[in-house]
N, C-alpha and C. Protein backbone atom coordinates (compact mmCIF):
# COMPACT_ATOMS: atom_id res chain seq x y z
N MET A 1 225.67 258.96 55.97
CA MET A 1 224.48 259.58 55.44
C MET A 1 224.81 260.86 54.66
N THR A 2 225.79 261.61 55.17
CA THR A 2 226.20 262.84 54.49
C THR A 2 226.73 262.53 53.09
N ASP A 3 227.44 261.41 52.95
CA ASP A 3 227.97 261.02 51.64
C ASP A 3 226.84 260.79 50.64
N ILE A 4 225.78 260.16 51.10
CA ILE A 4 224.63 259.89 50.22
C ILE A 4 223.98 261.20 49.79
N ILE A 5 223.82 262.11 50.72
CA ILE A 5 223.22 263.41 50.39
C ILE A 5 224.10 264.16 49.39
N MET A 6 225.40 264.13 49.59
CA MET A 6 226.31 264.81 48.66
C MET A 6 226.25 264.17 47.28
N LYS A 7 226.15 262.84 47.23
CA LYS A 7 226.02 262.14 45.94
C LYS A 7 224.71 262.55 45.26
N ALA A 8 223.65 262.70 46.05
CA ALA A 8 222.36 263.11 45.48
C ALA A 8 222.48 264.50 44.86
N TYR A 9 223.19 265.40 45.52
CA TYR A 9 223.40 266.73 44.95
C TYR A 9 224.25 266.65 43.67
N ASP A 10 225.22 265.76 43.64
CA ASP A 10 226.02 265.57 42.43
C ASP A 10 225.15 265.10 41.27
N VAL A 11 224.24 264.16 41.57
CA VAL A 11 223.33 263.66 40.54
C VAL A 11 222.42 264.79 40.06
N LEU A 12 221.91 265.58 40.99
CA LEU A 12 221.06 266.71 40.61
C LEU A 12 221.81 267.69 39.71
N ASP A 13 223.07 267.96 40.04
CA ASP A 13 223.87 268.86 39.21
C ASP A 13 224.01 268.31 37.79
N GLU A 14 224.18 267.00 37.68
CA GLU A 14 224.29 266.37 36.35
C GLU A 14 222.97 266.49 35.58
N ILE A 15 221.87 266.28 36.28
CA ILE A 15 220.55 266.39 35.64
C ILE A 15 220.33 267.81 35.13
N LEU A 16 220.73 268.78 35.94
CA LEU A 16 220.53 270.19 35.57
C LEU A 16 221.42 270.62 34.40
N LYS A 17 222.41 269.82 34.06
CA LYS A 17 223.27 270.12 32.91
C LYS A 17 222.65 269.68 31.59
N ASP A 18 221.50 269.02 31.65
CA ASP A 18 220.84 268.55 30.44
C ASP A 18 220.63 269.74 29.50
N PRO A 19 221.08 269.61 28.26
CA PRO A 19 220.99 270.75 27.33
C PRO A 19 219.56 271.17 26.98
N SER A 20 218.58 270.30 27.20
CA SER A 20 217.21 270.67 26.85
C SER A 20 216.54 271.53 27.93
N LEU A 21 217.06 271.52 29.15
CA LEU A 21 216.42 272.28 30.23
C LEU A 21 216.33 273.78 29.97
N PRO A 22 217.40 274.45 29.53
CA PRO A 22 217.24 275.90 29.25
C PRO A 22 216.20 276.17 28.16
N GLU A 23 216.15 275.31 27.17
CA GLU A 23 215.16 275.48 26.09
C GLU A 23 213.74 275.26 26.63
N ILE A 24 213.57 274.27 27.50
CA ILE A 24 212.25 274.02 28.10
C ILE A 24 211.82 275.24 28.92
N LYS A 25 212.73 275.79 29.71
CA LYS A 25 212.41 276.97 30.52
C LYS A 25 212.06 278.16 29.64
N LYS A 26 212.84 278.35 28.58
CA LYS A 26 212.62 279.48 27.67
C LYS A 26 211.26 279.35 26.98
N LEU A 27 210.95 278.16 26.52
CA LEU A 27 209.66 277.93 25.86
C LEU A 27 208.50 278.12 26.84
N ASN A 28 208.69 277.64 28.07
CA ASN A 28 207.64 277.79 29.08
C ASN A 28 207.32 279.26 29.32
N GLN A 29 208.36 280.08 29.46
CA GLN A 29 208.16 281.51 29.66
C GLN A 29 207.52 282.16 28.43
N SER A 30 207.97 281.75 27.27
CA SER A 30 207.42 282.29 26.03
C SER A 30 205.94 281.95 25.88
N ILE A 31 205.60 280.71 26.17
CA ILE A 31 204.20 280.27 26.07
C ILE A 31 203.34 281.04 27.06
N ASP A 32 203.80 281.14 28.30
CA ASP A 32 203.05 281.88 29.32
C ASP A 32 202.84 283.34 28.92
N HIS A 33 203.83 283.92 28.28
CA HIS A 33 203.75 285.34 27.91
C HIS A 33 202.95 285.57 26.62
N ASN A 34 203.18 284.74 25.62
CA ASN A 34 202.61 284.99 24.29
C ASN A 34 201.23 284.39 24.05
N TYR A 35 200.83 283.43 24.84
CA TYR A 35 199.58 282.71 24.55
C TYR A 35 198.62 282.75 25.74
N LYS A 36 198.56 283.89 26.40
CA LYS A 36 197.69 284.04 27.58
C LYS A 36 196.23 283.76 27.26
N LEU A 37 195.77 284.24 26.13
CA LEU A 37 194.36 284.04 25.77
C LEU A 37 194.05 282.57 25.51
N GLU A 38 194.93 281.89 24.81
CA GLU A 38 194.72 280.47 24.51
C GLU A 38 194.74 279.64 25.80
N ILE A 39 195.66 279.97 26.70
CA ILE A 39 195.76 279.24 27.97
C ILE A 39 194.52 279.50 28.82
N LYS A 40 194.07 280.77 28.86
CA LYS A 40 192.87 281.10 29.63
C LYS A 40 191.64 280.39 29.06
N ALA A 41 191.51 280.37 27.74
CA ALA A 41 190.37 279.71 27.11
C ALA A 41 190.37 278.22 27.44
N PHE A 42 191.53 277.59 27.38
CA PHE A 42 191.64 276.17 27.71
C PHE A 42 191.29 275.92 29.18
N ASN A 43 191.86 276.73 30.08
CA ASN A 43 191.58 276.55 31.51
C ASN A 43 190.11 276.79 31.84
N ASP A 44 189.52 277.80 31.23
CA ASP A 44 188.09 278.07 31.44
C ASP A 44 187.24 276.90 30.94
N ALA A 45 187.59 276.37 29.79
CA ALA A 45 186.85 275.23 29.23
C ALA A 45 187.01 274.00 30.12
N LYS A 46 188.18 273.82 30.66
CA LYS A 46 188.43 272.67 31.54
C LYS A 46 187.61 272.80 32.83
N ILE A 47 187.56 274.00 33.39
CA ILE A 47 186.77 274.25 34.60
C ILE A 47 185.28 273.99 34.33
N LYS A 48 184.79 274.49 33.20
CA LYS A 48 183.38 274.29 32.84
C LYS A 48 183.08 272.81 32.65
N TYR A 49 183.98 272.09 31.97
CA TYR A 49 183.79 270.66 31.74
C TYR A 49 183.74 269.90 33.07
N GLU A 50 184.65 270.21 33.98
CA GLU A 50 184.67 269.55 35.28
C GLU A 50 183.41 269.86 36.08
N GLN A 51 182.94 271.09 35.96
CA GLN A 51 181.71 271.48 36.64
C GLN A 51 180.53 270.67 36.09
N VAL A 52 180.45 270.54 34.79
CA VAL A 52 179.38 269.77 34.15
C VAL A 52 179.46 268.30 34.59
N LEU A 53 180.67 267.75 34.64
CA LEU A 53 180.81 266.37 35.08
C LEU A 53 180.33 266.19 36.51
N ASN A 54 180.64 267.13 37.38
CA ASN A 54 180.24 267.03 38.78
C ASN A 54 178.75 267.23 38.98
N GLU A 55 178.12 267.99 38.09
CA GLU A 55 176.69 268.29 38.25
C GLU A 55 175.78 267.27 37.60
N GLY A 56 176.27 266.45 36.71
CA GLY A 56 175.36 265.50 36.07
C GLY A 56 176.04 264.59 35.07
N GLY A 57 177.31 264.81 34.86
CA GLY A 57 178.05 263.94 33.95
C GLY A 57 177.51 263.98 32.54
N THR A 58 177.44 262.83 31.92
CA THR A 58 177.01 262.76 30.52
C THR A 58 175.54 263.11 30.34
N TYR A 59 174.78 263.14 31.45
CA TYR A 59 173.36 263.48 31.36
C TYR A 59 173.11 264.99 31.49
N HIS A 60 174.13 265.74 31.80
CA HIS A 60 173.99 267.19 31.95
C HIS A 60 173.66 267.80 30.57
N PRO A 61 172.75 268.77 30.53
CA PRO A 61 172.37 269.36 29.23
C PRO A 61 173.54 270.06 28.51
N ASP A 62 174.54 270.51 29.24
CA ASP A 62 175.67 271.20 28.61
C ASP A 62 176.86 270.28 28.34
N TYR A 63 176.68 268.99 28.54
CA TYR A 63 177.80 268.05 28.42
C TYR A 63 178.44 268.10 27.03
N LYS A 64 177.65 267.95 26.00
CA LYS A 64 178.20 267.91 24.64
C LYS A 64 178.93 269.20 24.29
N GLN A 65 178.33 270.33 24.64
CA GLN A 65 178.96 271.61 24.34
C GLN A 65 180.25 271.80 25.12
N SER A 66 180.24 271.40 26.39
CA SER A 66 181.44 271.60 27.21
C SER A 66 182.60 270.72 26.73
N ILE A 67 182.31 269.50 26.34
CA ILE A 67 183.38 268.62 25.85
C ILE A 67 183.87 269.10 24.48
N LYS A 68 182.98 269.64 23.67
CA LYS A 68 183.38 270.18 22.37
C LYS A 68 184.28 271.40 22.55
N THR A 69 183.88 272.30 23.44
CA THR A 69 184.68 273.50 23.70
C THR A 69 186.04 273.14 24.27
N LEU A 70 186.07 272.19 25.21
CA LEU A 70 187.34 271.75 25.79
C LEU A 70 188.24 271.17 24.71
N SER A 71 187.69 270.34 23.86
CA SER A 71 188.47 269.72 22.79
C SER A 71 189.02 270.77 21.82
N GLU A 72 188.21 271.73 21.46
CA GLU A 72 188.64 272.76 20.51
C GLU A 72 189.73 273.66 21.10
N THR A 73 189.54 274.05 22.37
CA THR A 73 190.55 274.94 22.99
C THR A 73 191.85 274.19 23.23
N LYS A 74 191.74 272.91 23.58
CA LYS A 74 192.96 272.11 23.78
C LYS A 74 193.70 271.96 22.45
N LYS A 75 192.97 271.67 21.40
CA LYS A 75 193.59 271.53 20.08
C LYS A 75 194.27 272.82 19.65
N ALA A 76 193.59 273.94 19.86
CA ALA A 76 194.16 275.24 19.48
C ALA A 76 195.46 275.51 20.25
N LEU A 77 195.48 275.18 21.52
CA LEU A 77 196.67 275.41 22.35
C LEU A 77 197.79 274.43 21.99
N TYR A 78 197.46 273.16 21.89
CA TYR A 78 198.48 272.13 21.69
C TYR A 78 199.03 272.08 20.27
N GLU A 79 198.39 272.76 19.33
CA GLU A 79 198.91 272.79 17.97
C GLU A 79 199.83 273.98 17.72
N LEU A 80 200.00 274.84 18.71
CA LEU A 80 200.92 275.96 18.56
C LEU A 80 202.35 275.42 18.47
N LYS A 81 203.15 276.02 17.61
CA LYS A 81 204.52 275.55 17.36
C LYS A 81 205.33 275.47 18.65
N ASP A 82 205.28 276.52 19.48
CA ASP A 82 206.05 276.53 20.72
C ASP A 82 205.59 275.45 21.69
N VAL A 83 204.28 275.24 21.76
CA VAL A 83 203.75 274.22 22.67
C VAL A 83 204.16 272.83 22.21
N LYS A 84 204.11 272.59 20.91
CA LYS A 84 204.54 271.30 20.37
C LYS A 84 206.00 271.03 20.72
N LYS A 85 206.83 272.02 20.51
CA LYS A 85 208.26 271.88 20.81
C LYS A 85 208.48 271.66 22.30
N TYR A 86 207.76 272.41 23.13
CA TYR A 86 207.86 272.27 24.59
C TYR A 86 207.49 270.86 25.01
N LEU A 87 206.37 270.35 24.52
CA LEU A 87 205.92 269.01 24.89
C LEU A 87 206.90 267.93 24.41
N GLU A 88 207.47 268.14 23.24
CA GLU A 88 208.46 267.20 22.69
C GLU A 88 209.70 267.15 23.59
N LEU A 89 210.22 268.32 23.95
CA LEU A 89 211.40 268.39 24.82
C LEU A 89 211.10 267.84 26.20
N GLU A 90 209.93 268.16 26.73
CA GLU A 90 209.54 267.68 28.05
C GLU A 90 209.45 266.15 28.08
N LEU A 91 208.87 265.58 27.04
CA LEU A 91 208.75 264.13 26.95
C LEU A 91 210.12 263.47 26.86
N SER A 92 211.01 264.06 26.08
CA SER A 92 212.36 263.53 25.95
C SER A 92 213.09 263.59 27.29
N PHE A 93 212.96 264.71 27.98
CA PHE A 93 213.61 264.87 29.29
C PHE A 93 213.03 263.88 30.30
N GLU A 94 211.72 263.72 30.29
CA GLU A 94 211.07 262.78 31.20
C GLU A 94 211.53 261.35 30.91
N SER A 95 211.67 261.01 29.65
CA SER A 95 212.15 259.67 29.28
C SER A 95 213.56 259.43 29.80
N SER A 96 214.40 260.45 29.69
CA SER A 96 215.77 260.33 30.20
C SER A 96 215.77 260.12 31.71
N LEU A 97 214.94 260.88 32.41
CA LEU A 97 214.85 260.73 33.86
C LEU A 97 214.33 259.35 34.24
N ASN A 98 213.30 258.88 33.54
CA ASN A 98 212.75 257.55 33.83
C ASN A 98 213.78 256.46 33.59
N GLU A 99 214.54 256.60 32.52
CA GLU A 99 215.59 255.63 32.22
C GLU A 99 216.64 255.62 33.35
N PHE A 100 217.01 256.80 33.80
CA PHE A 100 217.97 256.93 34.90
C PHE A 100 217.41 256.29 36.18
N LEU A 101 216.15 256.59 36.51
CA LEU A 101 215.53 256.02 37.70
C LEU A 101 215.40 254.50 37.61
N ASN A 102 215.09 254.00 36.43
CA ASN A 102 215.02 252.55 36.24
C ASN A 102 216.38 251.90 36.46
N THR A 103 217.43 252.56 35.97
CA THR A 103 218.79 252.04 36.17
C THR A 103 219.13 251.99 37.66
N ILE A 104 218.81 253.05 38.38
CA ILE A 104 219.07 253.07 39.82
C ILE A 104 218.27 251.98 40.52
N SER A 105 216.99 251.87 40.17
CA SER A 105 216.13 250.87 40.81
C SER A 105 216.64 249.46 40.57
N LYS A 106 217.04 249.18 39.34
CA LYS A 106 217.53 247.83 39.01
C LYS A 106 218.86 247.55 39.70
N THR A 107 219.65 248.60 39.93
CA THR A 107 220.91 248.43 40.64
C THR A 107 220.65 248.06 42.09
N ILE A 108 219.61 248.64 42.67
CA ILE A 108 219.25 248.33 44.06
C ILE A 108 218.69 246.92 44.16
N SER A 109 217.68 246.63 43.33
CA SER A 109 217.05 245.31 43.35
C SER A 109 216.16 245.15 42.13
N GLU A 110 216.09 243.95 41.61
CA GLU A 110 215.19 243.66 40.49
C GLU A 110 213.73 243.70 40.93
N HIS A 111 213.48 243.69 42.24
CA HIS A 111 212.12 243.64 42.76
C HIS A 111 211.52 245.03 43.02
N VAL A 112 212.29 246.08 42.82
CA VAL A 112 211.77 247.43 42.99
C VAL A 112 210.90 247.76 41.78
N PRO A 113 209.62 248.05 42.01
CA PRO A 113 208.76 248.37 40.87
C PRO A 113 209.18 249.68 40.21
N THR A 114 209.24 249.65 38.90
CA THR A 114 209.63 250.85 38.15
C THR A 114 208.60 251.12 37.06
N PRO A 115 208.42 252.38 36.70
CA PRO A 115 207.46 252.71 35.65
C PRO A 115 207.95 252.25 34.28
N ASN A 116 206.99 251.85 33.44
CA ASN A 116 207.33 251.52 32.07
C ASN A 116 207.41 252.80 31.25
N LYS A 117 207.52 252.69 29.93
CA LYS A 117 207.70 253.88 29.10
C LYS A 117 206.47 254.79 29.11
N PHE A 118 205.34 254.27 29.61
CA PHE A 118 204.12 255.08 29.70
C PHE A 118 203.95 255.68 31.10
N GLY A 119 204.92 255.42 31.99
CA GLY A 119 204.86 255.96 33.34
C GLY A 119 204.01 255.15 34.29
N MET A 120 203.62 253.95 33.88
CA MET A 120 202.76 253.12 34.72
C MET A 120 203.58 252.04 35.41
N ILE A 121 203.19 251.72 36.64
CA ILE A 121 203.86 250.68 37.41
C ILE A 121 202.94 249.48 37.48
N LYS A 122 203.50 248.31 37.19
CA LYS A 122 202.71 247.08 37.27
C LYS A 122 202.32 246.82 38.72
N LYS A 123 201.11 246.32 38.90
CA LYS A 123 200.66 245.98 40.25
C LYS A 123 201.34 244.69 40.70
N GLY A 124 201.42 244.55 42.03
CA GLY A 124 201.96 243.32 42.58
C GLY A 124 203.44 243.36 42.84
N GLY A 125 204.13 244.39 42.38
CA GLY A 125 205.55 244.47 42.62
C GLY A 125 205.85 244.93 44.04
N SER A 126 206.89 244.40 44.60
CA SER A 126 207.31 244.86 45.91
C SER A 126 208.81 244.63 46.04
N CYS A 127 209.38 245.28 47.00
CA CYS A 127 210.81 245.15 47.23
C CYS A 127 211.05 244.11 48.30
N HIS A 128 211.82 243.09 47.96
CA HIS A 128 212.17 242.05 48.91
C HIS A 128 213.67 242.08 49.14
N VAL A 129 214.04 242.28 50.37
CA VAL A 129 215.45 242.29 50.70
C VAL A 129 215.87 240.86 51.01
N HIS A 130 216.93 240.40 50.38
CA HIS A 130 217.42 239.03 50.59
C HIS A 130 218.71 239.05 51.34
């Protein structure tokens, strides 16, 4: 069991060597520091939208305005150069991890359900030991 744990730490060390990780961390800190107002506006709009959904959904009198505000604040935040770069790097890193996990899963068994490129797992899959 100790060998498996040590191998897991070796794998983690390899993952942490990914060249995009320092850039992702740097961008995350930069975004948190430089775009506080945009992040707050988006979070406030999201909270208001969720409140409207819980209070009456599409029939709530503020539904149209809340979804419009949420859409506008999200667009303003997600169109920032740093945020675009962050999301691009994060997606690339996630794809690499998913590819690695799929390789491990297939090595164990073809019956282990694994996520597709969209992160979704097909229903009905199960692991059968033969």
